[in-house]
Amino acid sequence: MSRLMDPVEQVIVLECLREGRRELGFRTSDVLAKKLAQSDSEDEIAAAQDCVLRRSISERSRSKFSEAALTIISDGENYKKLQSYFEKQGSHASRYLADIMFNCRGIDVANRLSIVSRFQRRTRYIDVIAQNWEVTSWTGRKRLQTGLYQMYRRYKPPGDNNNPDPNATIPDVMSHAIISELIYVDLDNMECVGVTSERNIYHGALSINHENILFGILQRSTDHGGLNRRFISMRLVHRRLPMYSGLCIKVGDTTRRPLAAGCLYVPIPPADHVELYSAFRPIVEQAWTGEPTPSVARESVVSQYLTDHPPLTPYDRDDPAWARVKFLRDFPQIQDLVVPDKDGTILFPEPSRTLAFDTLRRLSSRKALLPVFRWTSDPS
């Protein structure tokens, strides 16, 4: 019984047509694109041209153009021409095409090399997650807009403060450092680009689920072949707000321990910050395929919107290392959010860092271990 092609078969058919287009009489990519589009629509022809030139296209377009490609290949003597071409190349491509033609069009040329359908294999969880990630529930721009946002979070000291000295002086809350970073949100492509307080550049993908929760995963490649990632999430509402509340999970550069922080995201108006948007545009437009990206220059306009982490040395206002560090006392608008209200609630709490290895080892030596819980009977 004939069926639609799965994504693997679609890729094979399109690549075979691209490779052998001249054998079928398509002298230019434009001519082939018009044939694939099967329409006079300029948008459809442009999408078909992207397909022929191996540019990124939507799943809908890939499915449509691959079906059109299979029709071209299956028509008349076209398959025989491709078969002859690929045999001269020493390739089995024509035999894979024969298998696809048999399964998806019912055409048997008795020269098949069976392809295990993607749907006949156990799908890996990451494949399902990646596929679902692209299914974004989006209902317009009333909830968020494309542009730059400033991310504020409180600084978490890198030391192990799980067992603080009871005699130690508790630092004044207003002397706690505030970290300011930048993130550019592109809602057309559901992508983002972040610049951290260390001026490192992260590239990320966004997704919005059915409950209007925005998720983001950002990644940076290091010069030594490593990968650093950040995760963000926030709740969107039915109108734009002057400030958004969200979460960010990152790993500290000093302790290597994951840290979860509440963040405040403030939209940056383009009209009031023309220089910043001009300086950020090359960062966003720079092609990125996963390679390490140079950090933002300290002299850049972008750096003027970032704050530094406190150094490990004691505070000294005359020390250049402290010059770019900002504190809660420098942000009157945030101060009310860090002071407990009458119920003891802090709206903008200090970040939470995971326990250090030494702490876990100490707890283990004391037998202070959580048991494995299990109901002895069904509680219902």
Protein backbone atom coordinates (compact mmCIF):
# COMPACT_ATOMS: atom_id res chain seq x y z
CA MET A 1 0.00 0.00 0.00
CA SER A 2 1.37 3.41 -0.96
CA ARG A 3 2.16 5.88 1.82
CA LEU A 4 3.70 9.30 2.34
CA MET A 5 7.44 9.50 2.68
CA ASP A 6 8.97 9.76 6.11
CA PRO A 7 11.59 12.51 6.78
CA VAL A 8 14.54 10.23 5.94
CA GLU A 9 13.03 9.29 2.57
CA GLN A 10 12.24 12.94 1.86
CA VAL A 11 15.88 13.87 2.31
CA ILE A 12 17.05 11.07 0.01
CA VAL A 13 14.62 11.99 -2.77
CA LEU A 14 15.45 15.71 -2.65
CA GLU A 15 19.20 15.11 -2.56
CA CYS A 16 19.03 12.69 -5.49
CA LEU A 17 17.08 15.22 -7.54
CA ARG A 18 19.54 18.01 -6.70
CA GLU A 19 22.50 15.79 -7.61
CA GLY A 20 21.05 14.54 -10.88
CA ARG A 21 19.01 17.54 -12.04
CA ARG A 22 21.14 18.15 -15.14
CA GLU A 23 20.57 14.55 -16.25
CA LEU A 24 16.83 15.29 -16.21
CA GLY A 25 17.17 18.50 -18.22
CA PHE A 26 17.06 21.08 -15.42
CA ARG A 27 20.01 23.26 -16.41
CA THR A 28 19.63 25.77 -13.58
CA SER A 29 18.38 25.64 -10.01
CA ASP A 30 15.75 28.27 -10.89
CA VAL A 31 14.17 26.03 -13.50
CA LEU A 32 14.05 23.13 -11.04
CA ALA A 33 12.60 25.35 -8.32
CA LYS A 34 9.71 26.45 -10.55
CA LYS A 35 8.97 22.80 -11.34
CA LEU A 36 8.98 21.86 -7.64
CA ALA A 37 6.82 24.81 -6.63
CA GLN A 38 3.97 23.69 -8.90
CA SER A 39 2.64 27.23 -8.50
CA ASP A 40 3.08 30.74 -9.85
CA SER A 41 3.23 32.10 -6.33
CA GLU A 42 6.47 34.03 -5.74
CA ASP A 43 6.57 32.85 -2.12
CA GLU A 44 6.27 29.20 -3.16
CA ILE A 45 8.94 29.58 -5.83
CA ALA A 46 11.25 31.31 -3.35
CA ALA A 47 10.71 28.49 -0.86
CA ALA A 48 11.44 25.94 -3.60
CA GLN A 49 14.65 27.79 -4.46
CA ASP A 50 15.69 27.57 -0.81
CA CYS A 51 14.99 23.85 -0.95
CA VAL A 52 17.07 23.32 -4.09
CA LEU A 53 19.96 25.34 -2.59
CA ARG A 54 19.79 23.35 0.67
CA ARG A 55 18.70 26.31 2.75
CA SER A 56 16.50 25.90 5.79
CA ILE A 57 12.82 25.31 4.97
CA SER A 58 9.74 24.38 6.97
CA GLU A 59 8.63 20.78 7.45
CA ARG A 60 5.52 21.51 5.40
CA SER A 61 7.61 22.78 2.47
CA ARG A 62 10.03 19.85 2.70
CA SER A 63 7.13 17.41 2.60
CA LYS A 64 5.50 19.16 -0.35
CA PHE A 65 8.66 19.55 -2.43
CA SER A 66 9.84 16.00 -1.77
CA GLU A 67 6.52 14.64 -3.06
CA ALA A 68 6.89 16.82 -6.15
CA ALA A 69 10.47 15.59 -6.54
CA LEU A 70 9.36 11.95 -6.35
CA THR A 71 6.76 12.64 -9.06
CA ILE A 72 9.50 14.04 -11.31
CA ILE A 73 11.80 11.08 -10.66
CA SER A 74 9.03 8.52 -11.24
CA ASP A 75 7.86 10.14 -14.47
CA GLY A 76 8.70 8.45 -17.76
CA GLU A 77 12.37 7.67 -18.34
CA ASN A 78 13.62 9.92 -15.54
CA TYR A 79 14.37 7.10 -13.12
CA LYS A 80 16.41 5.24 -15.75
CA LYS A 81 18.43 8.39 -16.43
CA LEU A 82 19.18 8.78 -12.72
CA GLN A 83 19.92 5.07 -12.41
CA SER A 84 22.51 5.31 -15.17
CA TYR A 85 23.99 8.47 -13.65
CA PHE A 86 24.36 7.05 -10.14
CA GLU A 87 25.74 3.72 -11.39
CA LYS A 88 28.50 5.62 -13.18
CA GLN A 89 29.20 7.35 -9.86
CA GLY A 90 29.40 3.99 -8.08
CA SER A 91 26.46 4.99 -5.88
CA HIS A 92 23.53 2.91 -4.60
CA ALA A 93 21.28 5.98 -4.62
CA SER A 94 19.06 4.74 -7.47
CA ARG A 95 18.32 1.52 -5.58
CA TYR A 96 17.18 3.55 -2.56
CA LEU A 97 14.99 5.59 -4.91
CA ALA A 98 13.51 2.35 -6.27
CA ASP A 99 12.56 1.29 -2.74
CA ILE A 100 10.89 4.65 -2.09
CA MET A 101 9.03 4.54 -5.41
CA PHE A 102 7.73 1.07 -4.58
CA ASN A 103 6.59 1.93 -1.04
CA CYS A 104 5.22 5.41 -1.73
CA ARG A 105 3.98 5.21 -5.35
CA GLY A 106 3.50 1.49 -5.95
CA ILE A 107 6.02 1.52 -8.82
CA ASP A 108 8.19 -1.61 -8.91
CA VAL A 109 11.39 -1.36 -10.96
CA ALA A 110 12.84 -4.53 -9.36
CA ASN A 111 16.01 -2.79 -8.31
CA ARG A 112 15.28 -2.01 -4.70
CA LEU A 113 17.64 -1.58 -1.74
CA SER A 114 15.39 -1.60 1.29
CA ILE A 115 15.39 1.41 3.61
CA VAL A 116 14.35 0.85 7.21
CA SER A 117 11.64 3.42 7.72
CA ARG A 118 12.12 5.88 10.53
CA PHE A 119 8.72 4.80 11.82
CA GLN A 120 9.85 1.17 12.01
CA ARG A 121 12.70 2.03 14.38
CA ARG A 122 12.47 2.95 18.03
CA THR A 123 12.56 6.73 18.08
CA ARG A 124 15.05 8.22 20.49
CA TYR A 125 13.67 10.52 23.14
CA ILE A 126 15.85 13.40 21.93
CA ASP A 127 14.31 13.11 18.44
CA VAL A 128 10.79 13.38 19.86
CA ILE A 129 11.77 16.28 22.12
CA ALA A 130 13.43 18.14 19.23
CA GLN A 131 10.37 17.60 17.04
CA ASN A 132 8.00 18.83 19.74
CA TRP A 133 10.25 21.81 20.47
CA GLU A 134 9.42 23.23 17.03
CA VAL A 135 5.67 22.95 17.67
CA THR A 136 5.24 26.37 19.23
CA SER A 137 1.86 27.62 20.38
CA TRP A 138 1.94 31.24 19.31
CA THR A 139 -1.00 33.63 19.10
CA GLY A 140 0.53 36.94 18.09
CA ARG A 141 2.84 39.58 19.49
CA LYS A 142 0.66 40.83 22.33
CA ARG A 143 2.61 38.73 24.82
CA LEU A 144 6.19 39.53 23.82
CA GLN A 145 8.07 41.44 21.15
CA THR A 146 11.25 40.94 19.18
CA GLY A 147 14.14 42.95 20.58
CA LEU A 148 16.70 43.33 23.33
CA TYR A 149 16.00 42.64 26.99
CA GLN A 150 18.13 43.36 30.04
CA MET A 151 18.28 40.47 32.49
CA TYR A 152 18.78 41.25 36.16
CA ARG A 153 19.63 38.63 38.78
CA ARG A 154 21.14 38.68 42.21
CA TYR A 155 24.70 37.43 42.61
CA LYS A 156 25.37 34.22 44.51
CA PRO A 157 28.80 34.14 46.22
CA PRO A 158 30.83 31.23 44.84
CA GLY A 159 31.99 29.96 48.24
CA ASP A 160 30.39 27.08 50.13
CA ASN A 161 27.93 28.83 52.44
CA ASN A 162 25.89 25.75 53.27
CA ASN A 163 27.24 25.77 56.83
CA PRO A 164 27.89 29.44 57.58
CA ASP A 165 29.88 30.45 60.61
CA PRO A 166 27.29 31.44 63.26
CA ASN A 167 29.66 34.14 64.47
CA ALA A 168 30.21 35.58 61.02
CA THR A 169 28.81 38.99 60.21
CA ILE A 170 25.79 38.80 57.93
CA PRO A 171 26.44 41.11 54.97
CA ASP A 172 24.06 43.98 54.40
CA VAL A 173 21.48 43.01 51.77
CA MET A 174 21.99 46.30 49.95
CA SER A 175 25.65 45.39 49.42
CA HIS A 176 24.70 42.26 47.47
CA ALA A 177 25.81 42.48 43.85
CA ILE A 178 23.34 42.69 40.96
CA ILE A 179 24.24 41.03 37.65
CA SER A 180 23.00 42.70 34.46
CA GLU A 181 23.14 40.77 31.17
CA LEU A 182 21.55 41.05 27.72
CA ILE A 183 19.41 38.77 25.58
CA TYR A 184 18.05 39.39 22.09
CA VAL A 185 14.75 37.62 21.34
CA ASP A 186 13.82 36.88 17.72
CA LEU A 187 10.20 35.74 17.70
CA ASP A 188 10.11 35.25 13.91
CA ASN A 189 12.74 32.52 14.03
CA MET A 190 12.14 31.56 17.68
CA GLU A 191 15.82 32.16 18.43
CA CYS A 192 17.78 34.21 20.94
CA VAL A 193 21.31 35.51 21.48
CA GLY A 194 22.59 36.25 24.96
CA VAL A 195 25.61 38.20 26.19
CA THR A 196 26.67 37.34 29.73
CA SER A 197 28.33 39.50 32.34
CA GLU A 198 31.66 37.96 31.24
CA ARG A 199 30.82 39.23 27.70
CA ASN A 200 30.50 35.68 26.38
CA ILE A 201 27.99 35.11 23.55
CA TYR A 202 25.38 32.34 23.76
CA HIS A 203 23.10 31.27 20.91
CA GLY A 204 19.75 29.73 21.70
CA ALA A 205 16.44 28.30 20.53
CA LEU A 206 13.05 29.21 21.97
CA SER A 207 9.76 27.37 22.28
CA ILE A 208 6.37 28.29 23.73
CA ASN A 209 4.03 25.58 24.96
CA HIS A 210 0.23 25.42 25.11
CA GLU A 211 0.20 27.21 28.49
CA ASN A 212 2.19 30.16 27.12
CA ILE A 213 5.34 29.19 28.99
CA LEU A 214 8.44 30.29 27.10
CA PHE A 215 11.43 27.94 27.24
CA GLY A 216 14.93 28.66 25.98
CA ILE A 217 18.11 26.67 25.73
CA LEU A 218 21.30 28.61 24.99
CA GLN A 219 24.71 27.20 24.16
CA ARG A 220 28.29 28.40 23.90
CA SER A 221 31.23 26.44 22.51
CA THR A 222 34.55 26.89 24.27
CA ASP A 223 37.95 27.14 22.65
CA HIS A 224 38.85 23.75 24.13
CA GLY A 225 35.98 21.82 22.59
CA GLY A 226 33.60 22.08 25.54
CA LEU A 227 29.98 23.20 25.68
CA ASN A 228 28.37 25.54 28.18
CA ARG A 229 24.59 25.78 28.35
CA ARG A 230 21.98 27.98 29.98
CA PHE A 231 18.26 27.39 30.37
CA ILE A 232 15.62 30.09 30.74
CA SER A 233 11.87 30.03 31.27
CA MET A 234 9.12 32.57 31.87
CA ARG A 235 5.35 32.87 31.88
CA LEU A 236 3.79 35.01 29.16
CA VAL A 237 0.50 36.84 29.57
CA HIS A 238 -2.05 38.34 27.20
CA ARG A 239 -0.38 41.74 27.00
CA ARG A 240 3.08 43.19 26.95
CA LEU A 241 4.55 44.13 30.29
CA PRO A 242 7.26 46.63 31.23
CA MET A 243 9.01 43.82 33.10
CA TYR A 244 8.90 40.00 33.06
CA SER A 245 9.81 37.45 35.70
CA GLY A 246 11.62 34.29 34.74
CA LEU A 247 14.20 31.71 35.73
CA CYS A 248 17.74 31.04 34.53
CA ILE A 249 19.81 27.94 35.23
CA LYS A 250 23.54 28.30 34.71
CA VAL A 251 26.84 26.91 35.96
CA GLY A 252 29.23 29.14 37.86
CA ASP A 253 32.65 29.66 36.34
CA THR A 254 34.36 29.33 39.71
CA THR A 255 32.63 26.46 41.49
CA ARG A 256 31.20 24.53 38.49
CA ARG A 257 28.03 24.01 40.53
CA PRO A 258 24.63 24.60 38.85
CA LEU A 259 22.85 27.73 39.98
CA ALA A 260 19.15 28.58 39.57
CA ALA A 261 18.25 32.27 39.73
CA GLY A 262 15.11 34.28 39.46
CA CYS A 263 15.52 36.95 36.81
CA LEU A 264 13.77 40.17 35.88
CA TYR A 265 13.64 40.79 32.14
CA VAL A 266 13.22 44.45 31.09
CA PRO A 267 12.49 45.35 27.43
CA ILE A 268 14.97 47.85 25.95
CA PRO A 269 13.18 50.36 23.65
CA PRO A 270 14.97 50.59 20.28
CA ALA A 271 14.21 54.29 19.85
CA ASP A 272 15.95 55.17 23.12
CA HIS A 273 18.96 52.88 22.61
CA VAL A 274 19.85 53.20 18.94
CA GLU A 275 23.58 52.71 19.52
CA LEU A 276 23.02 49.48 21.42
CA TYR A 277 20.81 47.99 18.71
CA SER A 278 23.33 49.03 16.04
CA ALA A 279 26.17 47.41 17.98
CA PHE A 280 24.14 44.25 18.65
CA ARG A 281 23.01 43.77 15.05
CA PRO A 282 26.30 42.18 13.83
CA ILE A 283 26.17 39.76 16.77
CA VAL A 284 22.69 38.58 15.77
CA GLU A 285 23.36 38.51 12.04
CA GLN A 286 26.67 36.64 12.31
CA ALA A 287 26.19 33.08 11.02
CA TRP A 288 26.74 30.47 13.73
CA THR A 289 27.09 26.73 13.26
CA GLY A 290 28.35 25.82 16.72
CA GLU A 291 31.92 27.05 16.58
CA PRO A 292 33.43 29.18 19.39
CA THR A 293 32.38 32.83 19.15
CA PRO A 294 34.68 35.68 20.21
CA SER A 295 33.59 37.57 23.30
CA VAL A 296 32.21 41.10 23.09
CA ALA A 297 34.94 43.73 23.40
CA ARG A 298 35.00 45.56 26.72
CA GLU A 299 35.08 48.84 24.79
CA SER A 300 31.88 47.95 22.91
CA VAL A 301 28.62 49.80 23.50
CA VAL A 302 27.17 46.39 24.40
CA SER A 303 29.47 46.22 27.44
CA GLN A 304 27.93 49.42 28.78
CA TYR A 305 24.78 47.41 29.53
CA LEU A 306 26.59 44.66 31.46
CA THR A 307 27.86 44.45 35.02
CA ASP A 308 30.78 42.44 36.36
CA HIS A 309 30.91 39.69 38.96
CA PRO A 310 32.54 40.79 42.22
CA PRO A 311 36.21 39.80 42.33
CA LEU A 312 37.50 37.50 45.08
CA THR A 313 39.39 40.39 46.69
CA PRO A 314 37.88 42.50 49.53
CA TYR A 315 35.77 45.40 48.36
CA ASP A 316 37.75 48.52 47.52
CA ARG A 317 36.05 51.31 45.65
CA ASP A 318 39.42 52.44 44.26
CA ASP A 319 40.27 48.95 42.95
CA PRO A 320 39.68 48.83 39.14
CA ALA A 321 38.50 45.23 39.54
CA TRP A 322 35.44 46.55 41.39
CA ALA A 323 34.72 49.43 38.98
CA ARG A 324 32.04 47.58 36.96
CA VAL A 325 30.35 45.85 39.90
CA LYS A 326 26.87 47.10 40.79
CA PHE A 327 24.93 46.51 44.02
CA LEU A 328 21.35 46.46 45.16
CA ARG A 329 21.84 49.91 46.64
CA ASP A 330 22.40 51.16 43.06
CA PHE A 331 18.90 50.05 41.97
CA PRO A 332 16.19 51.71 44.08
CA GLN A 333 13.51 50.02 41.97
CA ILE A 334 14.75 46.58 43.05
CA GLN A 335 15.26 47.33 46.73
CA ASP A 336 11.61 46.84 47.66
CA LEU A 337 11.69 43.41 46.03
CA VAL A 338 14.46 42.04 48.26
CA VAL A 339 13.11 43.21 51.62
CA PRO A 340 10.74 40.67 53.23
CA ASP A 341 7.12 41.82 53.37
CA LYS A 342 4.88 41.39 56.40
CA ASP A 343 4.50 37.70 55.54
CA GLY A 344 8.27 37.25 55.25
CA THR A 345 8.12 36.82 51.46
CA ILE A 346 11.03 38.05 49.34
CA LEU A 347 9.89 38.72 45.76
CA PHE A 348 13.39 38.76 44.27
CA PRO A 349 15.27 36.10 46.26
CA GLU A 350 18.95 35.22 46.24
CA PRO A 351 19.84 32.46 43.74
CA SER A 352 20.13 28.87 44.87
CA ARG A 353 23.32 26.92 44.21
CA THR A 354 23.66 23.16 44.46
CA LEU A 355 25.59 21.65 47.37
CA ALA A 356 29.35 21.38 47.02
CA PHE A 357 31.05 18.02 46.73
CA ASP A 358 32.78 18.52 50.09
CA THR A 359 29.43 19.21 51.73
CA LEU A 360 27.86 16.09 50.26
CA ARG A 361 30.85 14.02 51.34
CA ARG A 362 30.61 15.45 54.86
CA LEU A 363 26.91 14.66 55.05
CA SER A 364 27.54 11.16 53.76
CA SER A 365 30.17 10.54 56.41
CA ARG A 366 27.61 11.50 59.04
CA LYS A 367 25.14 9.02 57.57
CA ALA A 368 22.85 11.97 56.93
CA LEU A 369 21.47 10.32 53.83
CA LEU A 370 17.94 10.44 52.53
CA PRO A 371 16.33 7.01 52.44
CA VAL A 372 14.74 5.48 49.36
CA PHE A 373 11.04 6.04 49.85
CA ARG A 374 8.42 3.53 48.84
CA TRP A 375 4.78 3.04 49.86
CA THR A 376 4.34 -0.32 51.61
CA SER A 377 0.78 -0.37 50.30
CA ASP A 378 -1.32 1.62 47.88
CA PRO A 379 -2.34 4.77 49.82
CA SER A 380 -5.48 5.14 47.72
